[in-house]
Amino acid sequence: MNKEKTLTILTIVLIISNFIDTFLTLKYIKFGPLDEGNPIMAQLLHGDGCLFAFVKIFFVTLFALYLWYRRNLKLAAISIYITSGFYVSLILWWILVILRI
C-alpha cells in the first residue's frame, strides 16, 4: 500500500474513532459513572452535551482534514500516524473500561 493511501485510511480511522470516542464519552461520562480527564472538555461536558459533541467532532475533524491536506509535509504525515494511533488506543481503552463496568 502506498503512503498516500495509508495516510488517507489513517485519517478516516482518526475521524471515525473520534466519533466513537465522543459517543462513548457522552454515554459513560456525562450520563454514566466515569469522569472526564481533560479539564477543558470537562467544563463543556458539564454543560450542554450537544455543544460538547459539536466542539469535539468539529475541531478534531478540522485538524485531521488539515493534516491530510498537508500530508506531503513530513510533520503532517507523522502527526496523522501519531494522532490516529492515539485515537485507536483510546477506543481500545474504552473497550476495556466498558468490559469492566
N, C-alpha and C. Protein backbone atom coordinates (compact mmCIF):
# COMPACT_ATOMS: atom_id res chain seq x y z
N MET A 1 0.86 -1.17 0.00
CA MET A 1 0.00 0.00 0.00
C MET A 1 0.90 1.24 0.00
N ASN A 2 0.56 2.21 -0.82
CA ASN A 2 1.42 3.39 -0.89
C ASN A 2 1.11 4.37 0.25
N LYS A 3 2.02 5.32 0.42
CA LYS A 3 1.94 6.27 1.54
C LYS A 3 0.66 7.10 1.46
N GLU A 4 0.29 7.53 0.28
CA GLU A 4 -0.90 8.37 0.09
C GLU A 4 -2.17 7.64 0.57
N LYS A 5 -2.30 6.39 0.18
CA LYS A 5 -3.47 5.60 0.55
C LYS A 5 -3.46 5.31 2.06
N THR A 6 -2.29 5.01 2.61
CA THR A 6 -2.17 4.76 4.04
C THR A 6 -2.59 5.97 4.85
N LEU A 7 -2.12 7.16 4.46
CA LEU A 7 -2.48 8.38 5.19
C LEU A 7 -3.96 8.69 5.07
N THR A 8 -4.55 8.40 3.92
CA THR A 8 -6.00 8.60 3.75
C THR A 8 -6.78 7.68 4.67
N ILE A 9 -6.39 6.41 4.70
CA ILE A 9 -7.08 5.45 5.57
C ILE A 9 -6.92 5.83 7.04
N LEU A 10 -5.70 6.22 7.43
CA LEU A 10 -5.48 6.61 8.82
C LEU A 10 -6.27 7.87 9.20
N THR A 11 -6.44 8.79 8.27
CA THR A 11 -7.25 9.98 8.53
C THR A 11 -8.71 9.60 8.73
N ILE A 12 -9.20 8.69 7.93
CA ILE A 12 -10.59 8.21 8.09
C ILE A 12 -10.75 7.48 9.42
N VAL A 13 -9.77 6.65 9.76
CA VAL A 13 -9.80 5.95 11.06
C VAL A 13 -9.81 6.95 12.21
N LEU A 14 -9.01 7.99 12.10
CA LEU A 14 -8.96 9.04 13.12
C LEU A 14 -10.33 9.70 13.30
N ILE A 15 -10.96 10.07 12.21
CA ILE A 15 -12.26 10.75 12.29
C ILE A 15 -13.32 9.81 12.86
N ILE A 16 -13.36 8.58 12.40
CA ILE A 16 -14.35 7.62 12.91
C ILE A 16 -14.11 7.33 14.39
N SER A 17 -12.84 7.17 14.77
CA SER A 17 -12.51 6.93 16.18
C SER A 17 -12.94 8.10 17.06
N ASN A 18 -12.80 9.30 16.55
CA ASN A 18 -13.24 10.49 17.30
C ASN A 18 -14.75 10.47 17.51
N PHE A 19 -15.51 10.09 16.48
CA PHE A 19 -16.97 9.97 16.62
C PHE A 19 -17.32 8.94 17.69
N ILE A 20 -16.65 7.79 17.66
CA ILE A 20 -16.91 6.74 18.64
C ILE A 20 -16.56 7.23 20.04
N ASP A 21 -15.41 7.89 20.17
CA ASP A 21 -14.99 8.42 21.46
C ASP A 21 -15.98 9.45 21.99
N THR A 22 -16.47 10.30 21.11
CA THR A 22 -17.46 11.32 21.52
C THR A 22 -18.73 10.65 22.03
N PHE A 23 -19.22 9.65 21.31
CA PHE A 23 -20.43 8.94 21.74
C PHE A 23 -20.22 8.26 23.09
N LEU A 24 -19.10 7.56 23.23
CA LEU A 24 -18.83 6.84 24.48
C LEU A 24 -18.60 7.80 25.64
N THR A 25 -17.98 8.95 25.36
CA THR A 25 -17.80 9.95 26.40
C THR A 25 -19.14 10.46 26.90
N LEU A 26 -20.04 10.74 25.98
CA LEU A 26 -21.37 11.21 26.39
C LEU A 26 -22.10 10.13 27.17
N LYS A 27 -22.04 8.90 26.70
CA LYS A 27 -22.77 7.81 27.35
C LYS A 27 -22.22 7.47 28.73
N TYR A 28 -20.91 7.34 28.85
CA TYR A 28 -20.33 6.84 30.09
C TYR A 28 -19.79 7.92 31.03
N ILE A 29 -19.61 9.13 30.52
CA ILE A 29 -19.11 10.19 31.40
C ILE A 29 -20.22 11.18 31.74
N LYS A 30 -20.87 11.74 30.72
CA LYS A 30 -21.93 12.71 31.02
C LYS A 30 -23.12 12.03 31.70
N PHE A 31 -23.51 10.88 31.19
CA PHE A 31 -24.69 10.21 31.73
C PHE A 31 -24.35 8.93 32.48
N GLY A 32 -23.09 8.74 32.79
CA GLY A 32 -22.68 7.50 33.44
C GLY A 32 -21.75 7.73 34.62
N PRO A 33 -21.05 6.68 35.03
CA PRO A 33 -20.28 6.72 36.28
C PRO A 33 -18.85 7.26 36.17
N LEU A 34 -18.37 7.59 34.99
CA LEU A 34 -16.97 7.97 34.82
C LEU A 34 -16.80 9.49 34.81
N ASP A 35 -15.54 9.96 34.92
CA ASP A 35 -15.22 11.38 34.89
C ASP A 35 -14.32 11.69 33.70
N GLU A 36 -14.46 12.90 33.17
CA GLU A 36 -13.62 13.36 32.05
C GLU A 36 -12.26 13.79 32.58
N GLY A 37 -11.20 13.32 31.94
CA GLY A 37 -9.85 13.65 32.38
C GLY A 37 -9.35 14.99 31.88
N ASN A 38 -9.87 15.48 30.77
CA ASN A 38 -9.45 16.75 30.19
C ASN A 38 -10.27 17.87 30.84
N PRO A 39 -9.64 18.78 31.58
CA PRO A 39 -10.40 19.80 32.31
C PRO A 39 -11.18 20.76 31.41
N ILE A 40 -10.66 21.06 30.24
CA ILE A 40 -11.38 21.96 29.33
C ILE A 40 -12.63 21.27 28.80
N MET A 41 -12.48 20.03 28.36
CA MET A 41 -13.63 19.29 27.84
C MET A 41 -14.61 18.95 28.97
N ALA A 42 -14.11 18.79 30.19
CA ALA A 42 -14.99 18.51 31.33
C ALA A 42 -15.95 19.68 31.55
N GLN A 43 -15.44 20.91 31.40
CA GLN A 43 -16.31 22.08 31.54
C GLN A 43 -17.41 22.07 30.49
N LEU A 44 -17.05 21.77 29.25
CA LEU A 44 -18.06 21.68 28.18
C LEU A 44 -19.04 20.55 28.44
N LEU A 45 -18.52 19.44 28.94
CA LEU A 45 -19.35 18.26 29.18
C LEU A 45 -20.36 18.49 30.29
N HIS A 46 -19.99 19.28 31.30
CA HIS A 46 -20.93 19.55 32.39
C HIS A 46 -22.05 20.47 31.95
N GLY A 47 -21.85 21.15 30.83
CA GLY A 47 -22.89 21.99 30.27
C GLY A 47 -23.76 21.18 29.33
N ASP A 48 -23.84 21.67 28.13
CA ASP A 48 -24.68 21.05 27.10
C ASP A 48 -23.91 19.93 26.39
N GLY A 49 -24.46 18.73 26.37
CA GLY A 49 -23.82 17.60 25.70
C GLY A 49 -23.71 17.81 24.21
N CYS A 50 -24.69 18.50 23.63
CA CYS A 50 -24.64 18.77 22.19
C CYS A 50 -23.49 19.70 21.84
N LEU A 51 -23.26 20.72 22.66
CA LEU A 51 -22.15 21.63 22.42
C LEU A 51 -20.82 20.90 22.55
N PHE A 52 -20.71 20.05 23.55
CA PHE A 52 -19.50 19.23 23.73
C PHE A 52 -19.25 18.39 22.48
N ALA A 53 -20.28 17.69 22.01
CA ALA A 53 -20.13 16.82 20.84
C ALA A 53 -19.75 17.63 19.61
N PHE A 54 -20.39 18.78 19.43
CA PHE A 54 -20.08 19.61 18.26
C PHE A 54 -18.63 20.08 18.30
N VAL A 55 -18.20 20.62 19.42
CA VAL A 55 -16.83 21.15 19.54
C VAL A 55 -15.82 20.04 19.31
N LYS A 56 -16.03 18.90 19.95
CA LYS A 56 -15.08 17.79 19.84
C LYS A 56 -15.01 17.26 18.41
N ILE A 57 -16.15 17.01 17.82
CA ILE A 57 -16.18 16.47 16.46
C ILE A 57 -15.66 17.50 15.45
N PHE A 58 -16.09 18.75 15.59
CA PHE A 58 -15.71 19.78 14.63
C PHE A 58 -14.20 20.01 14.63
N PHE A 59 -13.62 20.23 15.80
CA PHE A 59 -12.20 20.58 15.84
C PHE A 59 -11.28 19.41 15.51
N VAL A 60 -11.61 18.22 15.97
CA VAL A 60 -10.75 17.07 15.63
C VAL A 60 -10.86 16.76 14.14
N THR A 61 -12.06 16.84 13.58
CA THR A 61 -12.23 16.59 12.15
C THR A 61 -11.51 17.66 11.33
N LEU A 62 -11.65 18.91 11.73
CA LEU A 62 -10.96 20.00 11.04
C LEU A 62 -9.44 19.80 11.08
N PHE A 63 -8.92 19.45 12.23
CA PHE A 63 -7.49 19.19 12.40
C PHE A 63 -7.05 18.01 11.52
N ALA A 64 -7.83 16.93 11.53
CA ALA A 64 -7.49 15.74 10.74
C ALA A 64 -7.49 16.06 9.25
N LEU A 65 -8.49 16.80 8.80
CA LEU A 65 -8.56 17.15 7.38
C LEU A 65 -7.43 18.10 6.98
N TYR A 66 -7.06 19.01 7.87
CA TYR A 66 -5.93 19.89 7.60
C TYR A 66 -4.64 19.09 7.47
N LEU A 67 -4.44 18.15 8.38
CA LEU A 67 -3.24 17.31 8.29
C LEU A 67 -3.25 16.50 7.00
N TRP A 68 -4.41 15.97 6.64
CA TRP A 68 -4.50 15.19 5.40
C TRP A 68 -4.19 16.07 4.19
N TYR A 69 -4.72 17.29 4.19
CA TYR A 69 -4.46 18.23 3.10
C TYR A 69 -2.97 18.53 2.98
N ARG A 70 -2.28 18.60 4.10
CA ARG A 70 -0.85 18.90 4.13
C ARG A 70 0.00 17.63 4.23
N ARG A 71 -0.56 16.48 3.88
CA ARG A 71 0.08 15.17 4.08
C ARG A 71 1.43 15.02 3.40
N ASN A 72 1.74 15.86 2.43
CA ASN A 72 3.04 15.77 1.77
C ASN A 72 4.17 16.31 2.65
N LEU A 73 3.82 17.07 3.68
CA LEU A 73 4.82 17.54 4.64
C LEU A 73 5.09 16.41 5.64
N LYS A 74 6.34 16.21 5.94
CA LYS A 74 6.73 15.12 6.83
C LYS A 74 6.07 15.24 8.21
N LEU A 75 6.04 16.46 8.76
CA LEU A 75 5.44 16.67 10.08
C LEU A 75 3.94 16.34 10.08
N ALA A 76 3.24 16.70 9.01
CA ALA A 76 1.81 16.39 8.91
C ALA A 76 1.59 14.88 8.84
N ALA A 77 2.40 14.20 8.04
CA ALA A 77 2.27 12.74 7.93
C ALA A 77 2.54 12.05 9.26
N ILE A 78 3.58 12.48 9.95
CA ILE A 78 3.89 11.92 11.26
C ILE A 78 2.75 12.19 12.24
N SER A 79 2.19 13.39 12.18
CA SER A 79 1.07 13.75 13.06
C SER A 79 -0.15 12.88 12.81
N ILE A 80 -0.40 12.54 11.55
CA ILE A 80 -1.52 11.64 11.24
C ILE A 80 -1.29 10.27 11.86
N TYR A 81 -0.08 9.75 11.72
CA TYR A 81 0.24 8.45 12.32
C TYR A 81 0.07 8.48 13.84
N ILE A 82 0.60 9.50 14.48
CA ILE A 82 0.55 9.59 15.94
C ILE A 82 -0.88 9.79 16.44
N THR A 83 -1.60 10.72 15.82
CA THR A 83 -2.96 11.04 16.27
C THR A 83 -3.91 9.87 16.03
N SER A 84 -3.81 9.23 14.88
CA SER A 84 -4.69 8.08 14.64
C SER A 84 -4.34 6.93 15.58
N GLY A 85 -3.06 6.75 15.86
CA GLY A 85 -2.65 5.73 16.83
C GLY A 85 -3.19 6.02 18.21
N PHE A 86 -3.16 7.30 18.60
CA PHE A 86 -3.70 7.71 19.89
C PHE A 86 -5.20 7.39 19.97
N TYR A 87 -5.95 7.75 18.93
CA TYR A 87 -7.40 7.51 18.97
C TYR A 87 -7.75 6.03 18.92
N VAL A 88 -7.00 5.24 18.18
CA VAL A 88 -7.24 3.79 18.19
C VAL A 88 -6.95 3.23 19.58
N SER A 89 -5.88 3.70 20.20
CA SER A 89 -5.58 3.27 21.58
C SER A 89 -6.67 3.69 22.55
N LEU A 90 -7.22 4.87 22.34
CA LEU A 90 -8.31 5.36 23.17
C LEU A 90 -9.55 4.48 23.04
N ILE A 91 -9.85 4.05 21.83
CA ILE A 91 -11.01 3.16 21.62
C ILE A 91 -10.75 1.82 22.28
N LEU A 92 -9.53 1.31 22.20
CA LEU A 92 -9.20 0.05 22.90
C LEU A 92 -9.34 0.22 24.41
N TRP A 93 -8.95 1.38 24.94
CA TRP A 93 -9.13 1.68 26.35
C TRP A 93 -10.61 1.67 26.70
N TRP A 94 -11.43 2.31 25.86
CA TRP A 94 -12.87 2.32 26.10
C TRP A 94 -13.43 0.89 26.16
N ILE A 95 -12.96 0.04 25.27
CA ILE A 95 -13.44 -1.35 25.27
C ILE A 95 -13.11 -2.01 26.61
N LEU A 96 -11.89 -1.80 27.08
CA LEU A 96 -11.51 -2.37 28.39
C LEU A 96 -12.37 -1.81 29.51
N VAL A 97 -12.62 -0.52 29.50
CA VAL A 97 -13.44 0.13 30.54
C VAL A 97 -14.87 -0.41 30.50
N ILE A 98 -15.43 -0.51 29.32
CA ILE A 98 -16.82 -0.97 29.19
C ILE A 98 -16.94 -2.43 29.67
N LEU A 99 -15.95 -3.24 29.38
CA LEU A 99 -16.00 -4.64 29.82
C LEU A 99 -15.90 -4.76 31.34
N ARG A 100 -15.30 -3.76 32.00
CA ARG A 100 -15.17 -3.80 33.47
C ARG A 100 -16.37 -3.19 34.18
N ILE A 101 -17.18 -2.40 33.48
CA ILE A 101 -18.33 -1.76 34.13
C ILE A 101 -19.42 -2.78 34.40
